[in-house]
Amino acid sequence: MTAADGGSVPLPQPATRPGPAAASALQLERETGIRALQSERLSGHTTLRVGGPADLLAVASSADDLASLVRFARAAGISCVVFGRGSNVVVADAGFRGLVVLNRAEHARVDGNRLIAESGLPIARAATIALEAGLTGLEFGLAIPGTVGGAVWANAGAHGSDVAAVLESATLLRADGIVAGETVEALGLSYRDSRLKRSGGLGAAADVVLEATFRLEFGDPAAITARLDEIRTWRREHQPLSQPSAGSVFRNPAGDSAGRLIDECGLKGRRLGGAQVSDKHANFIVNAGAATASDIRALADEVRSQVSRRFGVELEYEVQFVGDWS
């Protein structure tokens, strides 16, 4: 979808007509009851700490809020993207022309061996909620910096497991505006992919995850805690947690590791502007200080080119490039 001005909004004796973003912000608040910020820089809302301003930015505090904001954008013809914790994305320096929804819908409940969570809940928090209920199967989520919705959307995984292994169903806001449940089989989950990801990118034009149900197993809390501690230790030792990043930049090619290929090219520590290939994990590009989104993308493209030239492997991006890159 392309951004639209949302129409002019009549106000009592205005001195001047509001601009397109201001008019859309007023319309959004009137129709949803949610206030929107204008020209909010997205660098403060992404884990890479880069990105220009969004025309509009609004926070969804519940699944109902999320559905309302997405429906508003669809009806108004405004481009819309939903962010969880802002990982896995590189937002253009020019920003995003449209509405960015920050998904903070985080309610969760346990019903027997099922964990039902709204899509804005951090997946790492879901792992600890499962522990508190004596449930095992979600420990891998501790290694994922995103939310339940993003994890379902990308079939996120780590440490030998993924969402497909434990997801039972998801509640979606469909493209036709109807809220409906969908089985895990219908979601078409595969390696770091799903029907949702293939059909709509990060935009809200297609189906949006509102809630997910995970079917877990009862386990020994001590064993679950030990596994979580093991994952925490591994992350500290192998990932650049002290520097801003978007997580893994590339998917692992079949039977190999993107990090290994990049390392073999001698690219660990390679720097371009403020962007740097992590010297701790070669499949991470970090903001080493005052990086721009253009620095990040240019370095990632260079890495991809060198791996292709040396190994004949075309690395596929795991991160999503969002916004106005023109």
C-alpha atoms as a PDB file:
ATOM      1  CA  MET A   1       0.000   0.000   0.000  1.00  0.00           C
ATOM      2  CA  THR A   2       1.103   3.565  -0.522  1.00  0.00           C
ATOM      3  CA  ALA A   3       0.675   6.292   2.040  1.00  0.00           C
ATOM      4  CA  ALA A   4      -2.359   8.541   1.699  1.00  0.00           C
ATOM      5  CA  ASP A   5      -3.086  11.813   3.413  1.00  0.00           C
ATOM      6  CA  GLY A   6      -6.123  10.439   5.215  1.00  0.00           C
ATOM      7  CA  GLY A   7      -8.358  13.259   3.997  1.00  0.00           C
ATOM      8  CA  SER A   8      -8.859  16.677   5.513  1.00  0.00           C
ATOM      9  CA  VAL A   9     -10.346  16.709   9.000  1.00  0.00           C
ATOM     10  CA  PRO A  10     -12.718  19.598   9.854  1.00  0.00           C
ATOM     11  CA  LEU A  11     -11.759  21.438  13.018  1.00  0.00           C
ATOM     12  CA  PRO A  12     -13.459  24.353  14.750  1.00  0.00           C
ATOM     13  CA  GLN A  13     -12.180  27.498  13.026  1.00  0.00           C
ATOM     14  CA  PRO A  14      -8.638  26.249  12.294  1.00  0.00           C
ATOM     15  CA  ALA A  15      -6.026  28.868  11.543  1.00  0.00           C
ATOM     16  CA  THR A  16      -4.469  26.517   8.986  1.00  0.00           C
ATOM     17  CA  ARG A  17      -5.316  23.101   7.669  1.00  0.00           C
ATOM     18  CA  PRO A  18      -3.353  20.296   9.311  1.00  0.00           C
ATOM     19  CA  GLY A  19      -0.766  18.544   7.150  1.00  0.00           C
ATOM     20  CA  PRO A  20      -1.334  14.978   5.958  1.00  0.00           C
ATOM     21  CA  ALA A  21       0.333  13.340   8.978  1.00  0.00           C
ATOM     22  CA  ALA A  22      -1.450  15.603  11.460  1.00  0.00           C
ATOM     23  CA  ALA A  23      -4.803  14.945   9.805  1.00  0.00           C
ATOM     24  CA  SER A  24      -4.183  11.203   9.883  1.00  0.00           C
ATOM     25  CA  ALA A  25      -3.128  11.369  13.542  1.00  0.00           C
ATOM     26  CA  LEU A  26      -6.338  13.168  14.454  1.00  0.00           C
ATOM     27  CA  GLN A  27      -8.417  10.696  12.473  1.00  0.00           C
ATOM     28  CA  LEU A  28      -6.602   7.740  14.050  1.00  0.00           C
ATOM     29  CA  GLU A  29      -7.229   9.001  17.591  1.00  0.00           C
ATOM     30  CA  ARG A  30     -10.862   9.755  16.851  1.00  0.00           C
ATOM     31  CA  GLU A  31     -11.512   6.288  15.388  1.00  0.00           C
ATOM     32  CA  THR A  32      -9.389   4.124  17.708  1.00  0.00           C
ATOM     33  CA  GLY A  33      -8.961   6.191  20.884  1.00  0.00           C
ATOM     34  CA  ILE A  34      -5.176   5.752  20.563  1.00  0.00           C
ATOM     35  CA  ARG A  35      -2.839   8.717  20.230  1.00  0.00           C
ATOM     36  CA  ALA A  36      -0.185   8.692  17.535  1.00  0.00           C
ATOM     37  CA  LEU A  37       3.192  10.425  17.573  1.00  0.00           C
ATOM     38  CA  GLN A  38       4.265  12.273  14.452  1.00  0.00           C
ATOM     39  CA  SER A  39       7.775  12.201  12.941  1.00  0.00           C
ATOM     40  CA  GLU A  40       9.034   9.876  15.680  1.00  0.00           C
ATOM     41  CA  ARG A  41      12.550   8.628  14.940  1.00  0.00           C
ATOM     42  CA  LEU A  42      12.596   4.848  14.711  1.00  0.00           C
ATOM     43  CA  SER A  43      16.200   4.530  15.854  1.00  0.00           C
ATOM     44  CA  GLY A  44      14.830   4.578  19.394  1.00  0.00           C
ATOM     45  CA  HIS A  45      12.518   1.659  18.637  1.00  0.00           C
ATOM     46  CA  THR A  46      14.878  -0.800  16.926  1.00  0.00           C
ATOM     47  CA  THR A  47      17.600  -2.962  18.425  1.00  0.00           C
ATOM     48  CA  LEU A  48      20.112  -1.690  15.846  1.00  0.00           C
ATOM     49  CA  ARG A  49      19.471   1.917  16.944  1.00  0.00           C
ATOM     50  CA  VAL A  50      19.234   3.184  13.360  1.00  0.00           C
ATOM     51  CA  GLY A  51      16.337   4.521  11.314  1.00  0.00           C
ATOM     52  CA  GLY A  52      14.684   7.790  10.401  1.00  0.00           C
ATOM     53  CA  PRO A  53      11.243   9.093  11.344  1.00  0.00           C
ATOM     54  CA  ALA A  54       7.870   7.450  10.866  1.00  0.00           C
ATOM     55  CA  ASP A  55       5.039   9.687   9.729  1.00  0.00           C
ATOM     56  CA  LEU A  56       2.956   8.177  12.530  1.00  0.00           C
ATOM     57  CA  LEU A  57       3.749   5.860  15.417  1.00  0.00           C
ATOM     58  CA  ALA A  58       1.185   4.327  17.761  1.00  0.00           C
ATOM     59  CA  VAL A  59       1.364   1.767  20.574  1.00  0.00           C
ATOM     60  CA  ALA A  60      -0.943  -1.248  20.725  1.00  0.00           C
ATOM     61  CA  SER A  61      -1.379  -2.258  24.380  1.00  0.00           C
ATOM     62  CA  SER A  62      -3.654  -5.210  23.644  1.00  0.00           C
ATOM     63  CA  ALA A  63      -4.623  -7.528  20.814  1.00  0.00           C
ATOM     64  CA  ASP A  64      -7.774  -5.437  20.350  1.00  0.00           C
ATOM     65  CA  ASP A  65      -5.651  -2.281  19.993  1.00  0.00           C
ATOM     66  CA  LEU A  66      -3.462  -4.008  17.433  1.00  0.00           C
ATOM     67  CA  ALA A  67      -6.464  -5.070  15.374  1.00  0.00           C
ATOM     68  CA  SER A  68      -7.974  -1.565  15.582  1.00  0.00           C
ATOM     69  CA  LEU A  69      -4.777   0.152  14.410  1.00  0.00           C
ATOM     70  CA  VAL A  70      -4.216  -2.233  11.519  1.00  0.00           C
ATOM     71  CA  ARG A  71      -7.850  -1.936  10.432  1.00  0.00           C
ATOM     72  CA  PHE A  72      -7.554   1.858  10.568  1.00  0.00           C
ATOM     73  CA  ALA A  73      -4.471   1.855   8.342  1.00  0.00           C
ATOM     74  CA  ARG A  74      -6.092  -0.498   5.845  1.00  0.00           C
ATOM     75  CA  ALA A  75      -9.272   1.568   5.647  1.00  0.00           C
ATOM     76  CA  ALA A  76      -7.374   4.844   5.322  1.00  0.00           C
ATOM     77  CA  GLY A  77      -5.000   3.479   2.683  1.00  0.00           C
ATOM     78  CA  ILE A  78      -1.957   4.201   4.847  1.00  0.00           C
ATOM     79  CA  SER A  79       1.136   2.018   4.676  1.00  0.00           C
ATOM     80  CA  CYS A  80       1.511   0.172   7.950  1.00  0.00           C
ATOM     81  CA  VAL A  81       4.167  -1.983   9.575  1.00  0.00           C
ATOM     82  CA  VAL A  82       3.983  -3.763  12.915  1.00  0.00           C
ATOM     83  CA  PHE A  83       7.095  -3.858  15.109  1.00  0.00           C
ATOM     84  CA  GLY A  84       7.588  -6.112  18.089  1.00  0.00           C
ATOM     85  CA  ARG A  85      10.824  -5.253  19.867  1.00  0.00           C
ATOM     86  CA  GLY A  86      12.407  -3.836  16.727  1.00  0.00           C
ATOM     87  CA  SER A  87      14.805  -6.735  16.195  1.00  0.00           C
ATOM     88  CA  ASN A  88      15.366  -8.328  12.789  1.00  0.00           C
ATOM     89  CA  VAL A  89      14.766  -4.992  11.002  1.00  0.00           C
ATOM     90  CA  VAL A  90      16.899  -2.285   9.438  1.00  0.00           C
ATOM     91  CA  VAL A  91      14.891   0.921   9.020  1.00  0.00           C
ATOM     92  CA  ALA A  92      16.030   3.313   6.298  1.00  0.00           C
ATOM     93  CA  ASP A  93      17.655   6.607   7.273  1.00  0.00           C
ATOM     94  CA  ALA A  94      14.811   8.352   5.431  1.00  0.00           C
ATOM     95  CA  GLY A  95      12.323   6.619   7.734  1.00  0.00           C
ATOM     96  CA  PHE A  96       8.928   5.124   6.984  1.00  0.00           C
ATOM     97  CA  ARG A  97       6.093   6.866   5.148  1.00  0.00           C
ATOM     98  CA  GLY A  98       3.046   5.641   6.995  1.00  0.00           C
ATOM     99  CA  LEU A  99       2.035   4.172  10.360  1.00  0.00           C
ATOM    100  CA  VAL A 100       4.355   2.120  12.559  1.00  0.00           C
ATOM    101  CA  VAL A 101       2.561   0.117  15.241  1.00  0.00           C
ATOM    102  CA  LEU A 102       4.588  -0.864  18.300  1.00  0.00           C
ATOM    103  CA  ASN A 103       3.083  -4.130  19.486  1.00  0.00           C
ATOM    104  CA  ARG A 104       2.958  -4.112  23.288  1.00  0.00           C
ATOM    105  CA  ALA A 105       0.081  -6.602  23.599  1.00  0.00           C
ATOM    106  CA  GLU A 106       1.669  -8.846  26.226  1.00  0.00           C
ATOM    107  CA  HIS A 107      -1.095 -10.680  28.085  1.00  0.00           C
ATOM    108  CA  ALA A 108      -0.428 -14.393  28.637  1.00  0.00           C
ATOM    109  CA  ARG A 109      -2.132 -17.238  30.459  1.00  0.00           C
ATOM    110  CA  VAL A 110      -1.501 -20.915  31.104  1.00  0.00           C
ATOM    111  CA  ASP A 111      -4.221 -23.528  30.618  1.00  0.00           C
ATOM    112  CA  GLY A 112      -2.959 -26.978  31.512  1.00  0.00           C
ATOM    113  CA  ASN A 113      -0.017 -27.646  29.241  1.00  0.00           C
ATOM    114  CA  ARG A 114      -0.882 -24.774  26.891  1.00  0.00           C
ATOM    115  CA  LEU A 115       0.580 -21.278  26.992  1.00  0.00           C
ATOM    116  CA  ILE A 116      -1.640 -18.708  25.274  1.00  0.00           C
ATOM    117  CA  ALA A 117       0.115 -15.407  24.630  1.00  0.00           C
ATOM    118  CA  GLU A 118      -0.690 -12.160  22.864  1.00  0.00           C
ATOM    119  CA  SER A 119       1.640 -11.437  19.992  1.00  0.00           C
ATOM    120  CA  GLY A 120       3.530  -8.560  21.623  1.00  0.00           C
ATOM    121  CA  LEU A 121       4.862 -10.709  24.476  1.00  0.00           C
ATOM    122  CA  PRO A 122       8.644 -11.139  24.185  1.00  0.00           C
ATOM    123  CA  ILE A 123       9.290 -14.770  23.316  1.00  0.00           C
ATOM    124  CA  ALA A 124      12.054 -14.842  25.951  1.00  0.00           C
ATOM    125  CA  ARG A 125       9.457 -13.840  28.559  1.00  0.00           C
ATOM    126  CA  ALA A 126       7.188 -16.629  27.275  1.00  0.00           C
ATOM    127  CA  ALA A 127      10.023 -19.057  28.012  1.00  0.00           C
ATOM    128  CA  THR A 128      10.211 -17.908  31.636  1.00  0.00           C
ATOM    129  CA  ILE A 129       6.412 -18.013  32.044  1.00  0.00           C
ATOM    130  CA  ALA A 130       6.550 -21.612  30.830  1.00  0.00           C
ATOM    131  CA  LEU A 131       9.224 -22.349  33.428  1.00  0.00           C
ATOM    132  CA  GLU A 132       7.056 -20.868  36.183  1.00  0.00           C
ATOM    133  CA  ALA A 133       4.264 -23.248  35.109  1.00  0.00           C
ATOM    134  CA  GLY A 134       6.607 -26.248  34.991  1.00  0.00           C
ATOM    135  CA  LEU A 135       6.319 -26.486  31.194  1.00  0.00           C
ATOM    136  CA  THR A 136       9.139 -27.395  28.834  1.00  0.00           C
ATOM    137  CA  GLY A 137       9.552 -26.857  25.092  1.00  0.00           C
ATOM    138  CA  LEU A 138       9.953 -23.081  24.860  1.00  0.00           C
ATOM    139  CA  GLU A 139      13.456 -22.824  26.336  1.00  0.00           C
ATOM    140  CA  PHE A 140      14.893 -21.941  22.909  1.00  0.00           C
ATOM    141  CA  GLY A 141      12.828 -18.739  23.003  1.00  0.00           C
ATOM    142  CA  LEU A 142      15.259 -17.287  25.525  1.00  0.00           C
ATOM    143  CA  ALA A 143      17.763 -16.868  22.684  1.00  0.00           C
ATOM    144  CA  ILE A 144      15.351 -14.928  20.459  1.00  0.00           C
ATOM    145  CA  PRO A 145      15.164 -11.127  20.889  1.00  0.00           C
ATOM    146  CA  GLY A 146      11.713 -10.687  19.327  1.00  0.00           C
ATOM    147  CA  THR A 147       8.083 -11.239  20.264  1.00  0.00           C
ATOM    148  CA  VAL A 148       5.614 -14.115  20.019  1.00  0.00           C
ATOM    149  CA  GLY A 149       4.068 -12.601  16.884  1.00  0.00           C
ATOM    150  CA  GLY A 150       7.412 -12.157  15.170  1.00  0.00           C
ATOM    151  CA  ALA A 151       8.492 -15.644  16.195  1.00  0.00           C
ATOM    152  CA  VAL A 152       5.375 -17.169  14.625  1.00  0.00           C
ATOM    153  CA  TRP A 153       5.718 -14.966  11.534  1.00  0.00           C
ATOM    154  CA  ALA A 154       9.319 -16.105  10.947  1.00  0.00           C
ATOM    155  CA  ASN A 155       9.147 -19.574  12.538  1.00  0.00           C
ATOM    156  CA  ALA A 156      11.981 -18.406  14.743  1.00  0.00           C
ATOM    157  CA  GLY A 157      14.251 -20.995  16.247  1.00  0.00           C
ATOM    158  CA  ALA A 158      17.510 -21.642  18.076  1.00  0.00           C
ATOM    159  CA  HIS A 159      19.355 -24.337  19.994  1.00  0.00           C
ATOM    160  CA  GLY A 160      17.827 -27.220  18.097  1.00  0.00           C
ATOM    161  CA  SER A 161      14.176 -26.198  18.158  1.00  0.00           C
ATOM    162  CA  ASP A 162      11.772 -23.726  16.606  1.00  0.00           C
ATOM    163  CA  VAL A 163       8.221 -22.390  16.832  1.00  0.00           C
ATOM    164  CA  ALA A 164       6.872 -25.090  14.510  1.00  0.00           C
ATOM    165  CA  ALA A 165       7.808 -27.730  17.089  1.00  0.00           C
ATOM    166  CA  VAL A 166       5.574 -26.279  19.832  1.00  0.00           C
ATOM    167  CA  LEU A 167       2.940 -24.069  18.173  1.00  0.00           C
ATOM    168  CA  GLU A 168      -0.611 -25.425  18.155  1.00  0.00           C
ATOM    169  CA  SER A 169      -2.512 -22.534  16.582  1.00  0.00           C
ATOM    170  CA  ALA A 170      -2.575 -18.768  16.100  1.00  0.00           C
ATOM    171  CA  THR A 171      -5.318 -16.151  16.112  1.00  0.00           C
ATOM    172  CA  LEU A 172      -5.006 -13.836  13.125  1.00  0.00           C
ATOM    173  CA  LEU A 173      -6.477 -10.596  11.914  1.00  0.00           C
ATOM    174  CA  ARG A 174      -7.001 -11.628   8.314  1.00  0.00           C
ATOM    175  CA  ALA A 175      -6.639  -9.407   5.302  1.00  0.00           C
ATOM    176  CA  ASP A 176     -10.453  -9.315   5.022  1.00  0.00           C
ATOM    177  CA  GLY A 177     -10.714  -7.847   8.537  1.00  0.00           C
ATOM    178  CA  ILE A 178     -12.029 -10.994  10.213  1.00  0.00           C
ATOM    179  CA  VAL A 179     -10.374 -12.384  13.362  1.00  0.00           C
ATOM    180  CA  ALA A 180      -9.972 -16.145  13.012  1.00  0.00           C
ATOM    181  CA  GLY A 181      -7.960 -19.033  14.386  1.00  0.00           C
ATOM    182  CA  GLU A 182      -5.570 -20.959  12.183  1.00  0.00           C
ATOM    183  CA  THR A 183      -3.866 -24.299  12.779  1.00  0.00           C
ATOM    184  CA  VAL A 184      -0.112 -24.623  12.713  1.00  0.00           C
ATOM    185  CA  GLU A 185      -0.428 -26.723   9.552  1.00  0.00           C
ATOM    186  CA  ALA A 186      -2.251 -23.905   7.751  1.00  0.00           C
ATOM    187  CA  LEU A 187       0.492 -21.429   8.675  1.00  0.00           C
ATOM    188  CA  GLY A 188       2.931 -23.245   6.389  1.00  0.00           C
ATOM    189  CA  LEU A 189       5.911 -23.053   8.733  1.00  0.00           C
ATOM    190  CA  SER A 190       9.317 -23.989   7.333  1.00  0.00           C
ATOM    191  CA  TYR A 191      12.910 -23.006   8.080  1.00  0.00           C
ATOM    192  CA  ARG A 192      12.702 -19.349   9.219  1.00  0.00           C
ATOM    193  CA  ASP A 193       9.625 -18.905   7.073  1.00  0.00           C
ATOM    194  CA  SER A 194       5.826 -19.078   7.037  1.00  0.00           C
ATOM    195  CA  ARG A 195       2.852 -18.349   4.845  1.00  0.00           C
ATOM    196  CA  LEU A 196       2.507 -15.038   6.694  1.00  0.00           C
ATOM    197  CA  LYS A 197       6.046 -13.967   5.882  1.00  0.00           C
ATOM    198  CA  ARG A 198       5.776 -14.989   2.247  1.00  0.00           C
ATOM    199  CA  SER A 199       2.464 -13.208   1.689  1.00  0.00           C
ATOM    200  CA  GLY A 200       2.975  -9.877   3.372  1.00  0.00           C
ATOM    201  CA  GLY A 201       6.498  -9.136   4.518  1.00  0.00           C
ATOM    202  CA  LEU A 202       6.391  -7.007   7.664  1.00  0.00           C
ATOM    203  CA  GLY A 203       3.465  -4.983   6.400  1.00  0.00           C
ATOM    204  CA  ALA A 204      -0.071  -5.189   7.698  1.00  0.00           C
ATOM    205  CA  ALA A 205      -1.726  -5.703   4.322  1.00  0.00           C
ATOM    206  CA  ALA A 206      -1.942  -9.457   4.863  1.00  0.00           C
ATOM    207  CA  ASP A 207      -2.682 -11.517   7.976  1.00  0.00           C
ATOM    208  CA  VAL A 208      -1.417 -10.233  11.344  1.00  0.00           C
ATOM    209  CA  VAL A 209      -0.773 -12.463  14.371  1.00  0.00           C
ATOM    210  CA  LEU A 210      -2.828 -11.386  17.396  1.00  0.00           C
ATOM    211  CA  GLU A 211      -2.286 -14.390  19.680  1.00  0.00           C
ATOM    212  CA  ALA A 212      -0.564 -17.768  19.692  1.00  0.00           C
ATOM    213  CA  THR A 213      -1.171 -21.023  21.546  1.00  0.00           C
ATOM    214  CA  PHE A 214       1.827 -23.208  22.362  1.00  0.00           C
ATOM    215  CA  ARG A 215       1.353 -26.848  23.324  1.00  0.00           C
ATOM    216  CA  LEU A 216       4.121 -27.776  25.742  1.00  0.00           C
ATOM    217  CA  GLU A 217       5.031 -30.680  28.039  1.00  0.00           C
ATOM    218  CA  PHE A 218       5.196 -30.833  31.799  1.00  0.00           C
ATOM    219  CA  GLY A 219       8.778 -31.075  32.963  1.00  0.00           C
ATOM    220  CA  ASP A 220      11.138 -30.863  35.901  1.00  0.00           C
ATOM    221  CA  PRO A 221      11.552 -27.162  36.824  1.00  0.00           C
ATOM    222  CA  ALA A 222      15.173 -27.773  37.853  1.00  0.00           C
ATOM    223  CA  ALA A 223      15.975 -29.288  34.452  1.00  0.00           C
ATOM    224  CA  ILE A 224      14.179 -26.455  32.642  1.00  0.00           C
ATOM    225  CA  THR A 225      16.102 -23.878  34.689  1.00  0.00           C
ATOM    226  CA  ALA A 226      19.385 -25.620  33.899  1.00  0.00           C
ATOM    227  CA  ARG A 227      18.596 -25.532  30.184  1.00  0.00           C
ATOM    228  CA  LEU A 228      17.737 -21.815  30.336  1.00  0.00           C
ATOM    229  CA  ASP A 229      20.985 -21.122  32.186  1.00  0.00           C
ATOM    230  CA  GLU A 230      22.895 -23.066  29.542  1.00  0.00           C
ATOM    231  CA  ILE A 231      21.326 -20.970  26.769  1.00  0.00           C
ATOM    232  CA  ARG A 232      22.068 -17.715  28.634  1.00  0.00           C
ATOM    233  CA  THR A 233      25.705 -18.711  29.023  1.00  0.00           C
ATOM    234  CA  TRP A 234      26.010 -19.689  25.360  1.00  0.00           C
ATOM    235  CA  ARG A 235      24.576 -16.348  24.246  1.00  0.00           C
ATOM    236  CA  ARG A 236      26.952 -14.360  26.442  1.00  0.00           C
ATOM    237  CA  GLU A 237      29.924 -16.307  25.095  1.00  0.00           C
ATOM    238  CA  HIS A 238      28.992 -16.334  21.402  1.00  0.00           C
ATOM    239  CA  GLN A 239      26.858 -13.281  20.606  1.00  0.00           C
ATOM    240  CA  PRO A 240      27.615  -9.532  20.784  1.00  0.00           C
ATOM    241  CA  LEU A 241      24.945  -8.790  23.394  1.00  0.00           C
ATOM    242  CA  SER A 242      26.642  -5.585  24.558  1.00  0.00           C
ATOM    243  CA  GLN A 243      26.354  -3.897  21.133  1.00  0.00           C
ATOM    244  CA  PRO A 244      23.254  -2.918  19.140  1.00  0.00           C
ATOM    245  CA  SER A 245      22.410  -5.443  16.441  1.00  0.00           C
ATOM    246  CA  ALA A 246      19.378  -6.837  14.617  1.00  0.00           C
ATOM    247  CA  GLY A 247      20.250 -10.462  15.334  1.00  0.00           C
ATOM    248  CA  SER A 248      21.415 -12.825  12.602  1.00  0.00           C
ATOM    249  CA  VAL A 249      21.732 -10.955   9.311  1.00  0.00           C
ATOM    250  CA  PHE A 250      21.541 -13.979   6.987  1.00  0.00           C
ATOM    251  CA  ARG A 251      19.776 -17.314   6.969  1.00  0.00           C
ATOM    252  CA  ASN A 252      22.004 -20.350   7.242  1.00  0.00           C
ATOM    253  CA  PRO A 253      22.342 -22.025   3.838  1.00  0.00           C
ATOM    254  CA  ALA A 254      21.399 -25.682   3.680  1.00  0.00           C
ATOM    255  CA  GLY A 255      23.956 -27.797   5.494  1.00  0.00           C
ATOM    256  CA  ASP A 256      26.197 -24.884   6.416  1.00  0.00           C
ATOM    257  CA  SER A 257      26.492 -21.805   8.596  1.00  0.00           C
ATOM    258  CA  ALA A 258      26.375 -18.229   7.325  1.00  0.00           C
ATOM    259  CA  GLY A 259      28.678 -17.225  10.171  1.00  0.00           C
ATOM    260  CA  ARG A 260      31.275 -19.812   9.146  1.00  0.00           C
ATOM    261  CA  LEU A 261      31.267 -18.674   5.516  1.00  0.00           C
ATOM    262  CA  ILE A 262      31.630 -15.022   6.507  1.00  0.00           C
ATOM    263  CA  ASP A 263      34.426 -15.873   8.948  1.00  0.00           C
ATOM    264  CA  GLU A 264      36.250 -17.885   6.271  1.00  0.00           C
ATOM    265  CA  CYS A 265      36.221 -14.765   4.100  1.00  0.00           C
ATOM    266  CA  GLY A 266      38.187 -12.972   6.820  1.00  0.00           C
ATOM    267  CA  LEU A 267      35.380 -10.489   7.420  1.00  0.00           C
ATOM    268  CA  LYS A 268      35.131 -10.591  11.209  1.00  0.00           C
ATOM    269  CA  GLY A 269      35.771  -7.055  12.415  1.00  0.00           C
ATOM    270  CA  ARG A 270      35.290  -5.551   8.943  1.00  0.00           C
ATOM    271  CA  ARG A 271      34.007  -1.996   9.371  1.00  0.00           C
ATOM    272  CA  LEU A 272      32.202   0.432   7.110  1.00  0.00           C
ATOM    273  CA  GLY A 273      31.318   3.765   8.678  1.00  0.00           C
ATOM    274  CA  GLY A 274      29.761   2.948  12.030  1.00  0.00           C
ATOM    275  CA  ALA A 275      28.768  -0.598  11.025  1.00  0.00           C
ATOM    276  CA  GLN A 276      30.947  -3.584  11.863  1.00  0.00           C
ATOM    277  CA  VAL A 277      30.876  -7.330  11.322  1.00  0.00           C
ATOM    278  CA  SER A 278      30.970  -8.605  14.886  1.00  0.00           C
ATOM    279  CA  ASP A 279      34.299 -10.099  15.915  1.00  0.00           C
ATOM    280  CA  LYS A 280      32.321 -12.413  18.209  1.00  0.00           C
ATOM    281  CA  HIS A 281      29.822 -13.838  15.701  1.00  0.00           C
ATOM    282  CA  ALA A 282      30.324 -13.189  11.992  1.00  0.00           C
ATOM    283  CA  ASN A 283      26.592 -13.391  11.166  1.00  0.00           C
ATOM    284  CA  PHE A 284      25.935 -10.301  13.286  1.00  0.00           C
ATOM    285  CA  ILE A 285      26.479  -6.747  12.084  1.00  0.00           C
ATOM    286  CA  VAL A 286      26.659  -4.337  14.997  1.00  0.00           C
ATOM    287  CA  ASN A 287      26.263  -0.613  15.391  1.00  0.00           C
ATOM    288  CA  ALA A 288      29.788   0.120  16.582  1.00  0.00           C
ATOM    289  CA  GLY A 289      29.032   3.814  17.052  1.00  0.00           C
ATOM    290  CA  ALA A 290      26.941   6.331  15.129  1.00  0.00           C
ATOM    291  CA  ALA A 291      26.154   3.856  12.346  1.00  0.00           C
ATOM    292  CA  THR A 292      23.564   4.784   9.757  1.00  0.00           C
ATOM    293  CA  ALA A 293      21.135   2.362   8.181  1.00  0.00           C
ATOM    294  CA  SER A 294      22.993   2.903   4.916  1.00  0.00           C
ATOM    295  CA  ASP A 295      26.241   1.808   6.610  1.00  0.00           C
ATOM    296  CA  ILE A 296      24.548  -1.376   7.835  1.00  0.00           C
ATOM    297  CA  ARG A 297      23.059  -2.232   4.458  1.00  0.00           C
ATOM    298  CA  ALA A 298      26.210  -1.441   2.491  1.00  0.00           C
ATOM    299  CA  LEU A 299      28.321  -3.635   4.771  1.00  0.00           C
ATOM    300  CA  ALA A 300      25.772  -6.454   4.599  1.00  0.00           C
ATOM    301  CA  ASP A 301      25.756  -6.249   0.791  1.00  0.00           C
ATOM    302  CA  GLU A 302      29.558  -6.349   0.759  1.00  0.00           C
ATOM    303  CA  VAL A 303      29.580  -9.440   2.989  1.00  0.00           C
ATOM    304  CA  ARG A 304      27.031 -11.133   0.763  1.00  0.00           C
ATOM    305  CA  SER A 305      29.063 -10.320  -2.349  1.00  0.00           C
ATOM    306  CA  GLN A 306      32.320 -11.659  -0.911  1.00  0.00           C
ATOM    307  CA  VAL A 307      30.727 -14.922   0.224  1.00  0.00           C
ATOM    308  CA  SER A 308      29.205 -15.366  -3.227  1.00  0.00           C
ATOM    309  CA  ARG A 309      32.500 -14.667  -4.953  1.00  0.00           C
ATOM    310  CA  ARG A 310      34.503 -17.066  -2.795  1.00  0.00           C
ATOM    311  CA  PHE A 311      32.054 -19.914  -2.178  1.00  0.00           C
ATOM    312  CA  GLY A 312      29.397 -19.500  -4.880  1.00  0.00           C
ATOM    313  CA  VAL A 313      26.740 -19.289  -2.144  1.00  0.00           C
ATOM    314  CA  GLU A 314      24.095 -16.571  -2.332  1.00  0.00           C
ATOM    315  CA  LEU A 315      23.247 -15.756   1.276  1.00  0.00           C
ATOM    316  CA  GLU A 316      19.600 -14.880   1.887  1.00  0.00           C
ATOM    317  CA  TYR A 317      18.769 -12.001   4.192  1.00  0.00           C
ATOM    318  CA  GLU A 318      17.124 -12.869   7.478  1.00  0.00           C
ATOM    319  CA  VAL A 319      16.775  -9.201   8.466  1.00  0.00           C
ATOM    320  CA  GLN A 320      14.057  -7.134   6.822  1.00  0.00           C
ATOM    321  CA  PHE A 321      14.821  -3.766   5.215  1.00  0.00           C
ATOM    322  CA  VAL A 322      11.986  -1.418   6.058  1.00  0.00           C
ATOM    323  CA  GLY A 323      11.097   2.077   4.935  1.00  0.00           C
ATOM    324  CA  ASP A 324      12.113   4.506   2.221  1.00  0.00           C
ATOM    325  CA  TRP A 325      15.363   3.261   0.667  1.00  0.00           C
ATOM    326  CA  SER A 326      14.970   5.319  -2.520  1.00  0.00           C
END
